[in-house]
Amino acid sequence: MSQHQSVKDYITARAAGDAARCAEIVADVTARYSTRTTDGTELRDLQEANRAHPLAQPTVQ
């Protein structure tokens, strides 16, 4: 499990089927990586989470 809160939030959003939230997290982490606010480990962990956790289908209520 990643130490980055963004990755934990991403996994939670994937499990909930929240594609919009996933996209927000990816955009935020990518922007921070682009400006060197974060090192590559956060982005790497996010990519690994993307492969390991399929996007669930949201339940209709």
PDB file of N, CA and C in Angstrom:
ATOM      1  N   MET A   1       0.850  -1.180   0.000  1.00  0.00           N
ATOM      2  CA  MET A   1       0.000   0.000   0.000  1.00  0.00           C
ATOM      3  C   MET A   1       0.893   1.239   0.000  1.00  0.00           C
ATOM      4  N   SER A   2       0.483   2.199  -0.739  1.00  0.00           N
ATOM      5  CA  SER A   2       1.245   3.432  -0.871  1.00  0.00           C
ATOM      6  C   SER A   2       1.161   4.274   0.393  1.00  0.00           C
ATOM      7  N   GLN A   3       2.183   5.057   0.615  1.00  0.00           N
ATOM      8  CA  GLN A   3       2.174   5.987   1.736  1.00  0.00           C
ATOM      9  C   GLN A   3       1.504   7.310   1.367  1.00  0.00           C
ATOM     10  N   HIS A   4       1.215   7.506   0.094  1.00  0.00           N
ATOM     11  CA  HIS A   4       0.652   8.764  -0.382  1.00  0.00           C
ATOM     12  C   HIS A   4      -0.873   8.781  -0.212  1.00  0.00           C
ATOM     13  N   GLN A   5      -1.381   9.832   0.403  1.00  0.00           N
ATOM     14  CA  GLN A   5      -2.828   9.958   0.609  1.00  0.00           C
ATOM     15  C   GLN A   5      -3.569  10.016  -0.724  1.00  0.00           C
ATOM     16  N   SER A   6      -2.956  10.648  -1.720  1.00  0.00           N
ATOM     17  CA  SER A   6      -3.607  10.740  -3.020  1.00  0.00           C
ATOM     18  C   SER A   6      -3.861   9.361  -3.622  1.00  0.00           C
ATOM     19  N   VAL A   7      -2.938   8.447  -3.422  1.00  0.00           N
ATOM     20  CA  VAL A   7      -3.097   7.089  -3.956  1.00  0.00           C
ATOM     21  C   VAL A   7      -4.191   6.351  -3.184  1.00  0.00           C
ATOM     22  N   LYS A   8      -4.235   6.526  -1.893  1.00  0.00           N
ATOM     23  CA  LYS A   8      -5.293   5.914  -1.087  1.00  0.00           C
ATOM     24  C   LYS A   8      -6.655   6.441  -1.521  1.00  0.00           C
ATOM     25  N   ASP A   9      -6.737   7.758  -1.752  1.00  0.00           N
ATOM     26  CA  ASP A   9      -7.991   8.363  -2.222  1.00  0.00           C
ATOM     27  C   ASP A   9      -8.361   7.847  -3.613  1.00  0.00           C
ATOM     28  N   TYR A  10      -7.352   7.650  -4.460  1.00  0.00           N
ATOM     29  CA  TYR A  10      -7.578   7.143  -5.810  1.00  0.00           C
ATOM     30  C   TYR A  10      -8.157   5.732  -5.761  1.00  0.00           C
ATOM     31  N   ILE A  11      -7.595   4.884  -4.918  1.00  0.00           N
ATOM     32  CA  ILE A  11      -8.085   3.515  -4.787  1.00  0.00           C
ATOM     33  C   ILE A  11      -9.529   3.511  -4.281  1.00  0.00           C
ATOM     34  N   THR A  12      -9.826   4.384  -3.329  1.00  0.00           N
ATOM     35  CA  THR A  12     -11.189   4.502  -2.816  1.00  0.00           C
ATOM     36  C   THR A  12     -12.153   4.937  -3.924  1.00  0.00           C
ATOM     37  N   ALA A  13     -11.725   5.911  -4.720  1.00  0.00           N
ATOM     38  CA  ALA A  13     -12.565   6.393  -5.820  1.00  0.00           C
ATOM     39  C   ALA A  13     -12.760   5.306  -6.876  1.00  0.00           C
ATOM     40  N   ARG A  14     -11.719   4.544  -7.168  1.00  0.00           N
ATOM     41  CA  ARG A  14     -11.837   3.440  -8.135  1.00  0.00           C
ATOM     42  C   ARG A  14     -12.842   2.410  -7.628  1.00  0.00           C
ATOM     43  N   ALA A  15     -12.751   2.085  -6.347  1.00  0.00           N
ATOM     44  CA  ALA A  15     -13.647   1.088  -5.760  1.00  0.00           C
ATOM     45  C   ALA A  15     -15.103   1.562  -5.801  1.00  0.00           C
ATOM     46  N   ALA A  16     -15.301   2.877  -5.716  1.00  0.00           N
ATOM     47  CA  ALA A  16     -16.652   3.443  -5.750  1.00  0.00           C
ATOM     48  C   ALA A  16     -17.151   3.685  -7.177  1.00  0.00           C
ATOM     49  N   GLY A  17     -16.269   3.504  -8.162  1.00  0.00           N
ATOM     50  CA  GLY A  17     -16.662   3.751  -9.552  1.00  0.00           C
ATOM     51  C   GLY A  17     -16.729   5.221  -9.899  1.00  0.00           C
ATOM     52  N   ASP A  18     -16.017   6.054  -9.154  1.00  0.00           N
ATOM     53  CA  ASP A  18     -16.048   7.507  -9.340  1.00  0.00           C
ATOM     54  C   ASP A  18     -14.951   7.950 -10.306  1.00  0.00           C
ATOM     55  N   ALA A  19     -15.233   7.838 -11.594  1.00  0.00           N
ATOM     56  CA  ALA A  19     -14.253   8.173 -12.619  1.00  0.00           C
ATOM     57  C   ALA A  19     -13.855   9.648 -12.589  1.00  0.00           C
ATOM     58  N   ALA A  20     -14.800  10.515 -12.272  1.00  0.00           N
ATOM     59  CA  ALA A  20     -14.503  11.948 -12.227  1.00  0.00           C
ATOM     60  C   ALA A  20     -13.484  12.259 -11.122  1.00  0.00           C
ATOM     61  N   ARG A  21     -13.669  11.663  -9.951  1.00  0.00           N
ATOM     62  CA  ARG A  21     -12.730  11.881  -8.842  1.00  0.00           C
ATOM     63  C   ARG A  21     -11.364  11.299  -9.180  1.00  0.00           C
ATOM     64  N   CYS A  22     -11.348  10.142  -9.843  1.00  0.00           N
ATOM     65  CA  CYS A  22     -10.082   9.548 -10.263  1.00  0.00           C
ATOM     66  C   CYS A  22      -9.330  10.498 -11.195  1.00  0.00           C
ATOM     67  N   ALA A  23     -10.051  11.078 -12.134  1.00  0.00           N
ATOM     68  CA  ALA A  23      -9.434  12.010 -13.080  1.00  0.00           C
ATOM     69  C   ALA A  23      -8.884  13.240 -12.370  1.00  0.00           C
ATOM     70  N   GLU A  24      -9.606  13.736 -11.366  1.00  0.00           N
ATOM     71  CA  GLU A  24      -9.127  14.886 -10.596  1.00  0.00           C
ATOM     72  C   GLU A  24      -7.821  14.560  -9.876  1.00  0.00           C
ATOM     73  N   ILE A  25      -7.761  13.392  -9.274  1.00  0.00           N
ATOM     74  CA  ILE A  25      -6.570  12.990  -8.536  1.00  0.00           C
ATOM     75  C   ILE A  25      -5.381  12.843  -9.487  1.00  0.00           C
ATOM     76  N   VAL A  26      -5.610  12.187 -10.627  1.00  0.00           N
ATOM     77  CA  VAL A  26      -4.542  12.016 -11.611  1.00  0.00           C
ATOM     78  C   VAL A  26      -4.039  13.373 -12.087  1.00  0.00           C
ATOM     79  N   ALA A  27      -4.943  14.290 -12.368  1.00  0.00           N
ATOM     80  CA  ALA A  27      -4.552  15.627 -12.835  1.00  0.00           C
ATOM     81  C   ALA A  27      -3.737  16.352 -11.771  1.00  0.00           C
ATOM     82  N   ASP A  28      -4.143  16.248 -10.523  1.00  0.00           N
ATOM     83  CA  ASP A  28      -3.435  16.908  -9.429  1.00  0.00           C
ATOM     84  C   ASP A  28      -2.027  16.340  -9.257  1.00  0.00           C
ATOM     85  N   VAL A  29      -1.923  15.036  -9.228  1.00  0.00           N
ATOM     86  CA  VAL A  29      -0.605  14.405  -9.050  1.00  0.00           C
ATOM     87  C   VAL A  29       0.292  14.694 -10.246  1.00  0.00           C
ATOM     88  N   THR A  30      -0.266  14.632 -11.447  1.00  0.00           N
ATOM     89  CA  THR A  30       0.517  14.922 -12.647  1.00  0.00           C
ATOM     90  C   THR A  30       1.022  16.360 -12.637  1.00  0.00           C
ATOM     91  N   ALA A  31       0.176  17.292 -12.224  1.00  0.00           N
ATOM     92  CA  ALA A  31       0.588  18.701 -12.154  1.00  0.00           C
ATOM     93  C   ALA A  31       1.705  18.891 -11.133  1.00  0.00           C
ATOM     94  N   ARG A  32       1.581  18.238  -9.990  1.00  0.00           N
ATOM     95  CA  ARG A  32       2.634  18.354  -8.978  1.00  0.00           C
ATOM     96  C   ARG A  32       3.934  17.721  -9.453  1.00  0.00           C
ATOM     97  N   TYR A  33       3.837  16.631 -10.185  1.00  0.00           N
ATOM     98  CA  TYR A  33       5.037  16.006 -10.722  1.00  0.00           C
ATOM     99  C   TYR A  33       5.672  16.899 -11.785  1.00  0.00           C
ATOM    100  N   SER A  34       4.848  17.496 -12.633  1.00  0.00           N
ATOM    101  CA  SER A  34       5.354  18.366 -13.698  1.00  0.00           C
ATOM    102  C   SER A  34       6.108  19.569 -13.158  1.00  0.00           C
ATOM    103  N   THR A  35       5.670  20.072 -12.000  1.00  0.00           N
ATOM    104  CA  THR A  35       6.336  21.229 -11.393  1.00  0.00           C
ATOM    105  C   THR A  35       7.375  20.805 -10.359  1.00  0.00           C
ATOM    106  N   ARG A  36       7.618  19.498 -10.289  1.00  0.00           N
ATOM    107  CA  ARG A  36       8.606  18.919  -9.372  1.00  0.00           C
ATOM    108  C   ARG A  36       8.287  19.194  -7.905  1.00  0.00           C
ATOM    109  N   THR A  37       6.978  19.326  -7.610  1.00  0.00           N
ATOM    110  CA  THR A  37       6.534  19.472  -6.228  1.00  0.00           C
ATOM    111  C   THR A  37       6.554  18.120  -5.533  1.00  0.00           C
ATOM    112  N   THR A  38       6.498  17.055  -6.325  1.00  0.00           N
ATOM    113  CA  THR A  38       6.575  15.696  -5.792  1.00  0.00           C
ATOM    114  C   THR A  38       7.566  14.914  -6.637  1.00  0.00           C
ATOM    115  N   ASP A  39       8.125  13.885  -6.043  1.00  0.00           N
ATOM    116  CA  ASP A  39       9.036  13.047  -6.827  1.00  0.00           C
ATOM    117  C   ASP A  39       8.225  12.002  -7.604  1.00  0.00           C
ATOM    118  N   GLY A  40       8.887  11.146  -8.293  1.00  0.00           N
ATOM    119  CA  GLY A  40       8.201  10.186  -9.147  1.00  0.00           C
ATOM    120  C   GLY A  40       7.518   9.047  -8.416  1.00  0.00           C
ATOM    121  N   THR A  41       7.770   8.890  -7.116  1.00  0.00           N
ATOM    122  CA  THR A  41       7.186   7.757  -6.410  1.00  0.00           C
ATOM    123  C   THR A  41       5.665   7.861  -6.316  1.00  0.00           C
ATOM    124  N   GLU A  42       5.149   9.053  -6.122  1.00  0.00           N
ATOM    125  CA  GLU A  42       3.700   9.221  -6.021  1.00  0.00           C
ATOM    126  C   GLU A  42       3.033   8.871  -7.346  1.00  0.00           C
ATOM    127  N   LEU A  43       3.599   9.355  -8.430  1.00  0.00           N
ATOM    128  CA  LEU A  43       3.039   9.065  -9.755  1.00  0.00           C
ATOM    129  C   LEU A  43       3.168   7.580 -10.073  1.00  0.00           C
ATOM    130  N   ARG A  44       4.281   6.976  -9.731  1.00  0.00           N
ATOM    131  CA  ARG A  44       4.468   5.537  -9.951  1.00  0.00           C
ATOM    132  C   ARG A  44       3.433   4.729  -9.162  1.00  0.00           C
ATOM    133  N   ASP A  45       3.238   5.090  -7.892  1.00  0.00           N
ATOM    134  CA  ASP A  45       2.253   4.393  -7.064  1.00  0.00           C
ATOM    135  C   ASP A  45       0.847   4.548  -7.626  1.00  0.00           C
ATOM    136  N   LEU A  46       0.559   5.719  -8.170  1.00  0.00           N
ATOM    137  CA  LEU A  46      -0.751   5.963  -8.774  1.00  0.00           C
ATOM    138  C   LEU A  46      -0.947   5.080 -10.006  1.00  0.00           C
ATOM    139  N   GLN A  47       0.083   4.945 -10.808  1.00  0.00           N
ATOM    140  CA  GLN A  47       0.000   4.083 -11.991  1.00  0.00           C
ATOM    141  C   GLN A  47      -0.177   2.620 -11.587  1.00  0.00           C
ATOM    142  N   GLU A  48       0.519   2.194 -10.547  1.00  0.00           N
ATOM    143  CA  GLU A  48       0.369   0.824 -10.069  1.00  0.00           C
ATOM    144  C   GLU A  48      -1.046   0.588  -9.535  1.00  0.00           C
ATOM    145  N   ALA A  49      -1.598   1.574  -8.837  1.00  0.00           N
ATOM    146  CA  ALA A  49      -2.966   1.458  -8.325  1.00  0.00           C
ATOM    147  C   ALA A  49      -3.960   1.366  -9.474  1.00  0.00           C
ATOM    148  N   ASN A  50      -3.689   2.083 -10.550  1.00  0.00           N
ATOM    149  CA  ASN A  50      -4.562   2.042 -11.719  1.00  0.00           C
ATOM    150  C   ASN A  50      -4.607   0.632 -12.308  1.00  0.00           C
ATOM    151  N   ARG A  51      -3.465  -0.019 -12.362  1.00  0.00           N
ATOM    152  CA  ARG A  51      -3.409  -1.381 -12.902  1.00  0.00           C
ATOM    153  C   ARG A  51      -4.017  -2.405 -11.941  1.00  0.00           C
ATOM    154  N   ALA A  52      -3.817  -2.209 -10.655  1.00  0.00           N
ATOM    155  CA  ALA A  52      -4.215  -3.205  -9.662  1.00  0.00           C
ATOM    156  C   ALA A  52      -5.683  -3.120  -9.243  1.00  0.00           C
ATOM    157  N   HIS A  53      -6.305  -1.962  -9.439  1.00  0.00           N
ATOM    158  CA  HIS A  53      -7.672  -1.749  -8.947  1.00  0.00           C
ATOM    159  C   HIS A  53      -8.579  -1.316 -10.095  1.00  0.00           C
ATOM    160  N   PRO A  54      -9.389  -2.237 -10.596  1.00  0.00           N
ATOM    161  CA  PRO A  54     -10.288  -1.874 -11.702  1.00  0.00           C
ATOM    162  C   PRO A  54     -11.352  -0.879 -11.244  1.00  0.00           C
ATOM    163  N   LEU A  55     -11.798  -0.076 -12.178  1.00  0.00           N
ATOM    164  CA  LEU A  55     -12.861   0.888 -11.890  1.00  0.00           C
ATOM    165  C   LEU A  55     -14.169   0.139 -11.723  1.00  0.00           C
ATOM    166  N   ALA A  56     -14.754   0.223 -10.554  1.00  0.00           N
ATOM    167  CA  ALA A  56     -16.020  -0.464 -10.285  1.00  0.00           C
ATOM    168  C   ALA A  56     -17.153   0.244 -11.017  1.00  0.00           C
ATOM    169  N   GLN A  57     -18.185  -0.493 -11.266  1.00  0.00           N
ATOM    170  CA  GLN A  57     -19.375   0.099 -11.850  1.00  0.00           C
ATOM    171  C   GLN A  57     -20.176   0.760 -10.735  1.00  0.00           C
ATOM    172  N   PRO A  58     -20.463   2.046 -10.868  1.00  0.00           N
ATOM    173  CA  PRO A  58     -21.233   2.706  -9.813  1.00  0.00           C
ATOM    174  C   PRO A  58     -22.632   2.094  -9.706  1.00  0.00           C
ATOM    175  N   THR A  59     -23.117   2.008  -8.488  1.00  0.00           N
ATOM    176  CA  THR A  59     -24.450   1.453  -8.280  1.00  0.00           C
ATOM    177  C   THR A  59     -25.485   2.538  -8.511  1.00  0.00           C
ATOM    178  N   VAL A  60     -26.580   2.167  -9.131  1.00  0.00           N
ATOM    179  CA  VAL A  60     -27.675   3.104  -9.393  1.00  0.00           C
ATOM    180  C   VAL A  60     -28.646   3.010  -8.226  1.00  0.00           C
ATOM    181  N   GLN A  61     -28.980   4.154  -7.683  1.00  0.00           N
ATOM    182  CA  GLN A  61     -29.884   4.164  -6.529  1.00  0.00           C
ATOM    183  C   GLN A  61     -31.188   4.818  -6.868  1.00  0.00           C
TER     184      GLN A  61
END
